[in-house]
Amino acid sequence: MTAPRWIIHLPTTLTSLDTAADLVAALRDSLGHVTAIDFGETTLSEEDRQHLRHRLWCDARHDGGRRCRLRDGHPGSCRTTGEG
């Protein structure tokens, strides 16, 4: 049996989905080296509607276990490095 994974809910004072997504991107860029955090699975939700989650990143896995760095539903090919 696989041990359960834990989810960290981190409330913010932000009032816009785009601004919250920008914060997550900054956290991913600064904490991406921490292997215990799976930024590829990040979702956002409104404080009073936590059952309605917005997936942030493309969920595609690539060589070496890396994930695409582009937003969910992006056009074109995935990208695992650089801006995104």
PDB file of N, CA and C in Angstrom:
ATOM      1  N   MET A   1       0.840  -1.180   0.000  1.00  0.00           N
ATOM      2  CA  MET A   1       0.000   0.000   0.000  1.00  0.00           C
ATOM      3  C   MET A   1       0.888   1.248   0.000  1.00  0.00           C
ATOM      4  N   THR A   2       0.548   2.199  -0.814  1.00  0.00           N
ATOM      5  CA  THR A   2       1.311   3.443  -0.917  1.00  0.00           C
ATOM      6  C   THR A   2       0.909   4.402   0.198  1.00  0.00           C
ATOM      7  N   ALA A   3       1.897   5.029   0.805  1.00  0.00           N
ATOM      8  CA  ALA A   3       1.616   6.008   1.864  1.00  0.00           C
ATOM      9  C   ALA A   3       0.892   7.215   1.263  1.00  0.00           C
ATOM     10  N   PRO A   4      -0.025   7.837   1.993  1.00  0.00           N
ATOM     11  CA  PRO A   4      -0.740   8.998   1.461  1.00  0.00           C
ATOM     12  C   PRO A   4       0.180  10.199   1.299  1.00  0.00           C
ATOM     13  N   ARG A   5      -0.092  10.992   0.286  1.00  0.00           N
ATOM     14  CA  ARG A   5       0.631  12.247   0.103  1.00  0.00           C
ATOM     15  C   ARG A   5      -0.155  13.347   0.814  1.00  0.00           C
ATOM     16  N   TRP A   6       0.537  14.366   1.244  1.00  0.00           N
ATOM     17  CA  TRP A   6      -0.096  15.467   1.966  1.00  0.00           C
ATOM     18  C   TRP A   6      -0.163  16.711   1.096  1.00  0.00           C
ATOM     19  N   ILE A   7      -1.257  17.441   1.200  1.00  0.00           N
ATOM     20  CA  ILE A   7      -1.485  18.668   0.446  1.00  0.00           C
ATOM     21  C   ILE A   7      -1.359  19.851   1.402  1.00  0.00           C
ATOM     22  N   ILE A   8      -0.621  20.860   1.007  1.00  0.00           N
ATOM     23  CA  ILE A   8      -0.482  22.076   1.811  1.00  0.00           C
ATOM     24  C   ILE A   8      -1.401  23.143   1.212  1.00  0.00           C
ATOM     25  N   HIS A   9      -2.369  23.591   1.988  1.00  0.00           N
ATOM     26  CA  HIS A   9      -3.255  24.669   1.545  1.00  0.00           C
ATOM     27  C   HIS A   9      -2.676  25.972   2.076  1.00  0.00           C
ATOM     28  N   LEU A  10      -2.360  26.875   1.181  1.00  0.00           N
ATOM     29  CA  LEU A  10      -1.678  28.114   1.539  1.00  0.00           C
ATOM     30  C   LEU A  10      -2.558  29.303   1.148  1.00  0.00           C
ATOM     31  N   PRO A  11      -3.421  29.762   2.057  1.00  0.00           N
ATOM     32  CA  PRO A  11      -4.295  30.897   1.732  1.00  0.00           C
ATOM     33  C   PRO A  11      -3.489  32.169   1.463  1.00  0.00           C
ATOM     34  N   THR A  12      -4.032  33.022   0.614  1.00  0.00           N
ATOM     35  CA  THR A  12      -3.399  34.305   0.301  1.00  0.00           C
ATOM     36  C   THR A  12      -4.436  35.423   0.449  1.00  0.00           C
ATOM     37  N   THR A  13      -3.984  36.640   0.306  1.00  0.00           N
ATOM     38  CA  THR A  13      -4.891  37.789   0.303  1.00  0.00           C
ATOM     39  C   THR A  13      -5.182  38.243  -1.124  1.00  0.00           C
ATOM     40  N   LEU A  14      -4.726  37.490  -2.116  1.00  0.00           N
ATOM     41  CA  LEU A  14      -4.895  37.853  -3.521  1.00  0.00           C
ATOM     42  C   LEU A  14      -6.349  37.689  -3.946  1.00  0.00           C
ATOM     43  N   THR A  15      -6.810  38.534  -4.871  1.00  0.00           N
ATOM     44  CA  THR A  15      -8.218  38.514  -5.279  1.00  0.00           C
ATOM     45  C   THR A  15      -8.411  38.213  -6.763  1.00  0.00           C
ATOM     46  N   SER A  16      -7.352  37.793  -7.451  1.00  0.00           N
ATOM     47  CA  SER A  16      -7.437  37.512  -8.884  1.00  0.00           C
ATOM     48  C   SER A  16      -6.761  36.173  -9.178  1.00  0.00           C
ATOM     49  N   LEU A  17      -7.393  35.372 -10.023  1.00  0.00           N
ATOM     50  CA  LEU A  17      -6.813  34.081 -10.420  1.00  0.00           C
ATOM     51  C   LEU A  17      -5.463  34.293 -11.101  1.00  0.00           C
ATOM     52  N   ASP A  18      -5.359  35.289 -11.978  1.00  0.00           N
ATOM     53  CA  ASP A  18      -4.097  35.536 -12.675  1.00  0.00           C
ATOM     54  C   ASP A  18      -2.985  35.941 -11.713  1.00  0.00           C
ATOM     55  N   THR A  19      -3.307  36.763 -10.721  1.00  0.00           N
ATOM     56  CA  THR A  19      -2.302  37.181  -9.748  1.00  0.00           C
ATOM     57  C   THR A  19      -1.866  36.000  -8.888  1.00  0.00           C
ATOM     58  N   ALA A  20      -2.821  35.155  -8.514  1.00  0.00           N
ATOM     59  CA  ALA A  20      -2.482  33.958  -7.740  1.00  0.00           C
ATOM     60  C   ALA A  20      -1.600  33.027  -8.570  1.00  0.00           C
ATOM     61  N   ALA A  21      -1.903  32.898  -9.858  1.00  0.00           N
ATOM     62  CA  ALA A  21      -1.084  32.062 -10.746  1.00  0.00           C
ATOM     63  C   ALA A  21       0.331  32.624 -10.864  1.00  0.00           C
ATOM     64  N   ASP A  22       0.447  33.946 -10.919  1.00  0.00           N
ATOM     65  CA  ASP A  22       1.776  34.571 -10.970  1.00  0.00           C
ATOM     66  C   ASP A  22       2.567  34.258  -9.700  1.00  0.00           C
ATOM     67  N   LEU A  23       1.902  34.276  -8.546  1.00  0.00           N
ATOM     68  CA  LEU A  23       2.569  33.937  -7.284  1.00  0.00           C
ATOM     69  C   LEU A  23       3.049  32.489  -7.303  1.00  0.00           C
ATOM     70  N   VAL A  24       2.218  31.586  -7.778  1.00  0.00           N
ATOM     71  CA  VAL A  24       2.617  30.179  -7.855  1.00  0.00           C
ATOM     72  C   VAL A  24       3.819  30.022  -8.791  1.00  0.00           C
ATOM     73  N   ALA A  25       3.824  30.745  -9.902  1.00  0.00           N
ATOM     74  CA  ALA A  25       4.962  30.680 -10.826  1.00  0.00           C
ATOM     75  C   ALA A  25       6.238  31.167 -10.138  1.00  0.00           C
ATOM     76  N   ALA A  26       6.133  32.230  -9.347  1.00  0.00           N
ATOM     77  CA  ALA A  26       7.304  32.735  -8.621  1.00  0.00           C
ATOM     78  C   ALA A  26       7.770  31.725  -7.575  1.00  0.00           C
ATOM     79  N   LEU A  27       6.824  31.075  -6.900  1.00  0.00           N
ATOM     80  CA  LEU A  27       7.190  30.039  -5.921  1.00  0.00           C
ATOM     81  C   LEU A  27       7.856  28.859  -6.609  1.00  0.00           C
ATOM     82  N   ARG A  28       7.315  28.464  -7.767  1.00  0.00           N
ATOM     83  CA  ARG A  28       7.914  27.356  -8.524  1.00  0.00           C
ATOM     84  C   ARG A  28       9.337  27.705  -8.944  1.00  0.00           C
ATOM     85  N   ASP A  29       9.537  28.952  -9.398  1.00  0.00           N
ATOM     86  CA  ASP A  29      10.872  29.357  -9.846  1.00  0.00           C
ATOM     87  C   ASP A  29      11.868  29.397  -8.687  1.00  0.00           C
ATOM     88  N   SER A  30      11.408  29.800  -7.499  1.00  0.00           N
ATOM     89  CA  SER A  30      12.338  29.918  -6.368  1.00  0.00           C
ATOM     90  C   SER A  30      12.470  28.621  -5.579  1.00  0.00           C
ATOM     91  N   LEU A  31      11.453  27.764  -5.599  1.00  0.00           N
ATOM     92  CA  LEU A  31      11.489  26.529  -4.803  1.00  0.00           C
ATOM     93  C   LEU A  31      11.483  25.264  -5.654  1.00  0.00           C
ATOM     94  N   GLY A  32      11.686  25.418  -6.948  1.00  0.00           N
ATOM     95  CA  GLY A  32      11.643  24.280  -7.855  1.00  0.00           C
ATOM     96  C   GLY A  32      12.661  23.200  -7.550  1.00  0.00           C
ATOM     97  N   HIS A  33      13.713  23.551  -6.829  1.00  0.00           N
ATOM     98  CA  HIS A  33      14.757  22.575  -6.475  1.00  0.00           C
ATOM     99  C   HIS A  33      14.332  21.673  -5.311  1.00  0.00           C
ATOM    100  N   VAL A  34      13.238  21.994  -4.641  1.00  0.00           N
ATOM    101  CA  VAL A  34      12.761  21.199  -3.501  1.00  0.00           C
ATOM    102  C   VAL A  34      11.939  20.038  -4.062  1.00  0.00           C
ATOM    103  N   THR A  35      12.512  18.849  -4.027  1.00  0.00           N
ATOM    104  CA  THR A  35      11.868  17.695  -4.670  1.00  0.00           C
ATOM    105  C   THR A  35      10.602  17.225  -3.963  1.00  0.00           C
ATOM    106  N   ALA A  36      10.368  17.672  -2.750  1.00  0.00           N
ATOM    107  CA  ALA A  36       9.155  17.277  -2.022  1.00  0.00           C
ATOM    108  C   ALA A  36       7.917  18.028  -2.512  1.00  0.00           C
ATOM    109  N   ILE A  37       8.117  19.062  -3.314  1.00  0.00           N
ATOM    110  CA  ILE A  37       6.993  19.852  -3.824  1.00  0.00           C
ATOM    111  C   ILE A  37       6.748  19.481  -5.282  1.00  0.00           C
ATOM    112  N   ASP A  38       5.516  19.097  -5.603  1.00  0.00           N
ATOM    113  CA  ASP A  38       5.140  18.744  -6.970  1.00  0.00           C
ATOM    114  C   ASP A  38       4.331  19.888  -7.568  1.00  0.00           C
ATOM    115  N   PHE A  39       5.027  20.876  -8.114  1.00  0.00           N
ATOM    116  CA  PHE A  39       4.345  22.036  -8.677  1.00  0.00           C
ATOM    117  C   PHE A  39       3.486  21.664  -9.876  1.00  0.00           C
ATOM    118  N   GLY A  40       3.774  20.546 -10.529  1.00  0.00           N
ATOM    119  CA  GLY A  40       2.968  20.113 -11.671  1.00  0.00           C
ATOM    120  C   GLY A  40       1.536  19.795 -11.298  1.00  0.00           C
ATOM    121  N   GLU A  41       1.286  19.527 -10.047  1.00  0.00           N
ATOM    122  CA  GLU A  41      -0.061  19.197  -9.581  1.00  0.00           C
ATOM    123  C   GLU A  41      -0.771  20.387  -8.941  1.00  0.00           C
ATOM    124  N   THR A  42      -0.198  21.577  -9.042  1.00  0.00           N
ATOM    125  CA  THR A  42      -0.771  22.748  -8.387  1.00  0.00           C
ATOM    126  C   THR A  42      -2.142  23.100  -8.944  1.00  0.00           C
ATOM    127  N   THR A  43      -3.073  23.365  -8.039  1.00  0.00           N
ATOM    128  CA  THR A  43      -4.387  23.887  -8.410  1.00  0.00           C
ATOM    129  C   THR A  43      -4.670  25.115  -7.557  1.00  0.00           C
ATOM    130  N   LEU A  44      -5.566  25.958  -8.045  1.00  0.00           N
ATOM    131  CA  LEU A  44      -6.008  27.127  -7.296  1.00  0.00           C
ATOM    132  C   LEU A  44      -7.514  27.071  -7.126  1.00  0.00           C
ATOM    133  N   SER A  45      -8.001  27.610  -6.009  1.00  0.00           N
ATOM    134  CA  SER A  45      -9.442  27.688  -5.787  1.00  0.00           C
ATOM    135  C   SER A  45      -9.760  28.953  -5.008  1.00  0.00           C
ATOM    136  N   GLU A  46     -10.996  29.418  -5.173  1.00  0.00           N
ATOM    137  CA  GLU A  46     -11.455  30.551  -4.374  1.00  0.00           C
ATOM    138  C   GLU A  46     -11.644  30.085  -2.934  1.00  0.00           C
ATOM    139  N   GLU A  47     -11.450  30.990  -2.001  1.00  0.00           N
ATOM    140  CA  GLU A  47     -11.519  30.661  -0.573  1.00  0.00           C
ATOM    141  C   GLU A  47     -12.821  29.953  -0.195  1.00  0.00           C
ATOM    142  N   ASP A  48     -13.939  30.436  -0.685  1.00  0.00           N
ATOM    143  CA  ASP A  48     -15.229  29.860  -0.314  1.00  0.00           C
ATOM    144  C   ASP A  48     -15.762  28.853  -1.331  1.00  0.00           C
ATOM    145  N   ARG A  49     -14.943  28.503  -2.316  1.00  0.00           N
ATOM    146  CA  ARG A  49     -15.331  27.504  -3.330  1.00  0.00           C
ATOM    147  C   ARG A  49     -14.164  26.556  -3.570  1.00  0.00           C
ATOM    148  N   GLN A  50     -13.634  25.974  -2.498  1.00  0.00           N
ATOM    149  CA  GLN A  50     -12.445  25.149  -2.607  1.00  0.00           C
ATOM    150  C   GLN A  50     -12.688  23.856  -3.371  1.00  0.00           C
ATOM    151  N   HIS A  51     -13.946  23.477  -3.551  1.00  0.00           N
ATOM    152  CA  HIS A  51     -14.261  22.279  -4.337  1.00  0.00           C
ATOM    153  C   HIS A  51     -14.070  22.520  -5.843  1.00  0.00           C
ATOM    154  N   LEU A  52     -14.034  23.793  -6.267  1.00  0.00           N
ATOM    155  CA  LEU A  52     -13.840  24.148  -7.666  1.00  0.00           C
ATOM    156  C   LEU A  52     -12.384  24.567  -7.858  1.00  0.00           C
ATOM    157  N   ARG A  53     -11.590  23.656  -8.389  1.00  0.00           N
ATOM    158  CA  ARG A  53     -10.146  23.891  -8.514  1.00  0.00           C
ATOM    159  C   ARG A  53      -9.755  24.141  -9.951  1.00  0.00           C
ATOM    160  N   HIS A  54      -8.795  25.043 -10.129  1.00  0.00           N
ATOM    161  CA  HIS A  54      -8.274  25.388 -11.448  1.00  0.00           C
ATOM    162  C   HIS A  54      -6.857  24.826 -11.552  1.00  0.00           C
ATOM    163  N   ARG A  55      -6.657  23.884 -12.480  1.00  0.00           N
ATOM    164  CA  ARG A  55      -5.317  23.328 -12.703  1.00  0.00           C
ATOM    165  C   ARG A  55      -4.458  24.420 -13.322  1.00  0.00           C
ATOM    166  N   LEU A  56      -3.234  24.543 -12.843  1.00  0.00           N
ATOM    167  CA  LEU A  56      -2.366  25.610 -13.306  1.00  0.00           C
ATOM    168  C   LEU A  56      -1.453  25.190 -14.449  1.00  0.00           C
ATOM    169  N   TRP A  57      -0.800  24.066 -14.309  1.00  0.00           N
ATOM    170  CA  TRP A  57       0.218  23.664 -15.277  1.00  0.00           C
ATOM    171  C   TRP A  57      -0.252  22.479 -16.104  1.00  0.00           C
ATOM    172  N   CYS A  58       0.321  22.365 -17.287  1.00  0.00           N
ATOM    173  CA  CYS A  58       0.130  21.193 -18.131  1.00  0.00           C
ATOM    174  C   CYS A  58       0.617  19.984 -17.326  1.00  0.00           C
ATOM    175  N   ASP A  59      -0.088  18.894 -17.391  1.00  0.00           N
ATOM    176  CA  ASP A  59       0.247  17.734 -16.563  1.00  0.00           C
ATOM    177  C   ASP A  59       1.177  16.743 -17.271  1.00  0.00           C
ATOM    178  N   ALA A  60       1.627  17.084 -18.472  1.00  0.00           N
ATOM    179  CA  ALA A  60       2.445  16.145 -19.257  1.00  0.00           C
ATOM    180  C   ALA A  60       3.814  15.926 -18.610  1.00  0.00           C
ATOM    181  N   ARG A  61       4.164  14.651 -18.436  1.00  0.00           N
ATOM    182  CA  ARG A  61       5.492  14.296 -17.914  1.00  0.00           C
ATOM    183  C   ARG A  61       6.418  13.991 -19.093  1.00  0.00           C
ATOM    184  N   HIS A  62       7.689  14.344 -18.907  1.00  0.00           N
ATOM    185  CA  HIS A  62       8.675  14.163 -19.970  1.00  0.00           C
ATOM    186  C   HIS A  62       9.889  13.432 -19.423  1.00  0.00           C
ATOM    187  N   ASP A  63      10.941  13.325 -20.232  1.00  0.00           N
ATOM    188  CA  ASP A  63      12.163  12.625 -19.827  1.00  0.00           C
ATOM    189  C   ASP A  63      12.645  13.083 -18.455  1.00  0.00           C
ATOM    190  N   GLY A  64      13.117  12.152 -17.666  1.00  0.00           N
ATOM    191  CA  GLY A  64      13.660  12.476 -16.350  1.00  0.00           C
ATOM    192  C   GLY A  64      12.602  12.865 -15.329  1.00  0.00           C
ATOM    193  N   GLY A  65      11.321  12.619 -15.622  1.00  0.00           N
ATOM    194  CA  GLY A  65      10.262  12.950 -14.681  1.00  0.00           C
ATOM    195  C   GLY A  65       9.884  14.419 -14.665  1.00  0.00           C
ATOM    196  N   ARG A  66      10.518  15.224 -15.550  1.00  0.00           N
ATOM    197  CA  ARG A  66      10.177  16.642 -15.597  1.00  0.00           C
ATOM    198  C   ARG A  66       8.787  16.828 -16.183  1.00  0.00           C
ATOM    199  N   ARG A  67       8.178  17.963 -15.843  1.00  0.00           N
ATOM    200  CA  ARG A  67       6.862  18.290 -16.378  1.00  0.00           C
ATOM    201  C   ARG A  67       6.956  19.513 -17.274  1.00  0.00           C
ATOM    202  N   CYS A  68       5.960  19.658 -18.115  1.00  0.00           N
ATOM    203  CA  CYS A  68       5.848  20.846 -18.949  1.00  0.00           C
ATOM    204  C   CYS A  68       5.722  22.073 -18.042  1.00  0.00           C
ATOM    205  N   ARG A  69       6.380  23.167 -18.403  1.00  0.00           N
ATOM    206  CA  ARG A  69       6.352  24.393 -17.598  1.00  0.00           C
ATOM    207  C   ARG A  69       5.294  25.391 -18.072  1.00  0.00           C
ATOM    208  N   LEU A  70       4.477  25.000 -19.041  1.00  0.00           N
ATOM    209  CA  LEU A  70       3.469  25.916 -19.577  1.00  0.00           C
ATOM    210  C   LEU A  70       2.133  25.744 -18.854  1.00  0.00           C
ATOM    211  N   ARG A  71       1.271  26.741 -18.987  1.00  0.00           N
ATOM    212  CA  ARG A  71      -0.047  26.709 -18.357  1.00  0.00           C
ATOM    213  C   ARG A  71      -0.903  25.588 -18.949  1.00  0.00           C
ATOM    214  N   ASP A  72      -1.841  25.107 -18.177  1.00  0.00           N
ATOM    215  CA  ASP A  72      -2.768  24.063 -18.609  1.00  0.00           C
ATOM    216  C   ASP A  72      -3.516  24.532 -19.859  1.00  0.00           C
ATOM    217  N   GLY A  73      -3.663  23.651 -20.834  1.00  0.00           N
ATOM    218  CA  GLY A  73      -4.385  23.965 -22.047  1.00  0.00           C
ATOM    219  C   GLY A  73      -3.599  24.795 -23.051  1.00  0.00           C
ATOM    220  N   HIS A  74      -2.275  24.854 -22.893  1.00  0.00           N
ATOM    221  CA  HIS A  74      -1.452  25.678 -23.780  1.00  0.00           C
ATOM    222  C   HIS A  74      -1.502  25.170 -25.218  1.00  0.00           C
ATOM    223  N   PRO A  75      -1.332  26.083 -26.177  1.00  0.00           N
ATOM    224  CA  PRO A  75      -1.230  25.647 -27.578  1.00  0.00           C
ATOM    225  C   PRO A  75       0.188  25.171 -27.870  1.00  0.00           C
ATOM    226  N   GLY A  76       0.340  24.368 -28.882  1.00  0.00           N
ATOM    227  CA  GLY A  76       1.668  23.949 -29.323  1.00  0.00           C
ATOM    228  C   GLY A  76       2.307  22.901 -28.425  1.00  0.00           C
ATOM    229  N   SER A  77       3.597  22.723 -28.639  1.00  0.00           N
ATOM    230  CA  SER A  77       4.369  21.697 -27.936  1.00  0.00           C
ATOM    231  C   SER A  77       4.672  22.076 -26.496  1.00  0.00           C
ATOM    232  N   CYS A  78       4.863  21.067 -25.673  1.00  0.00           N
ATOM    233  CA  CYS A  78       5.232  21.283 -24.277  1.00  0.00           C
ATOM    234  C   CYS A  78       6.664  21.801 -24.184  1.00  0.00           C
ATOM    235  N   ARG A  79       6.983  22.416 -23.031  1.00  0.00           N
ATOM    236  CA  ARG A  79       8.332  22.920 -22.778  1.00  0.00           C
ATOM    237  C   ARG A  79       8.692  22.571 -21.338  1.00  0.00           C
ATOM    238  N   THR A  80       9.864  22.018 -21.129  1.00  0.00           N
ATOM    239  CA  THR A  80      10.293  21.610 -19.783  1.00  0.00           C
ATOM    240  C   THR A  80      11.348  22.522 -19.197  1.00  0.00           C
ATOM    241  N   THR A  81      11.821  23.502 -19.952  1.00  0.00           N
ATOM    242  CA  THR A  81      12.826  24.442 -19.445  1.00  0.00           C
ATOM    243  C   THR A  81      12.452  25.851 -19.849  1.00  0.00           C
ATOM    244  N   GLY A  82      13.105  26.810 -19.232  1.00  0.00           N
ATOM    245  CA  GLY A  82      12.924  28.210 -19.605  1.00  0.00           C
ATOM    246  C   GLY A  82      11.686  28.834 -19.012  1.00  0.00           C
ATOM    247  N   GLU A  83      11.274  29.930 -19.587  1.00  0.00           N
ATOM    248  CA  GLU A  83      10.115  30.675 -19.090  1.00  0.00           C
ATOM    249  C   GLU A  83       8.861  29.846 -19.298  1.00  0.00           C
ATOM    250  N   GLY A  84       7.875  30.055 -18.404  1.00  0.00           N
ATOM    251  CA  GLY A  84       6.643  29.317 -18.600  1.00  0.00           C
ATOM    252  C   GLY A  84       5.757  29.377 -17.479  1.00  0.00           C
TER     253      GLY A  84
END
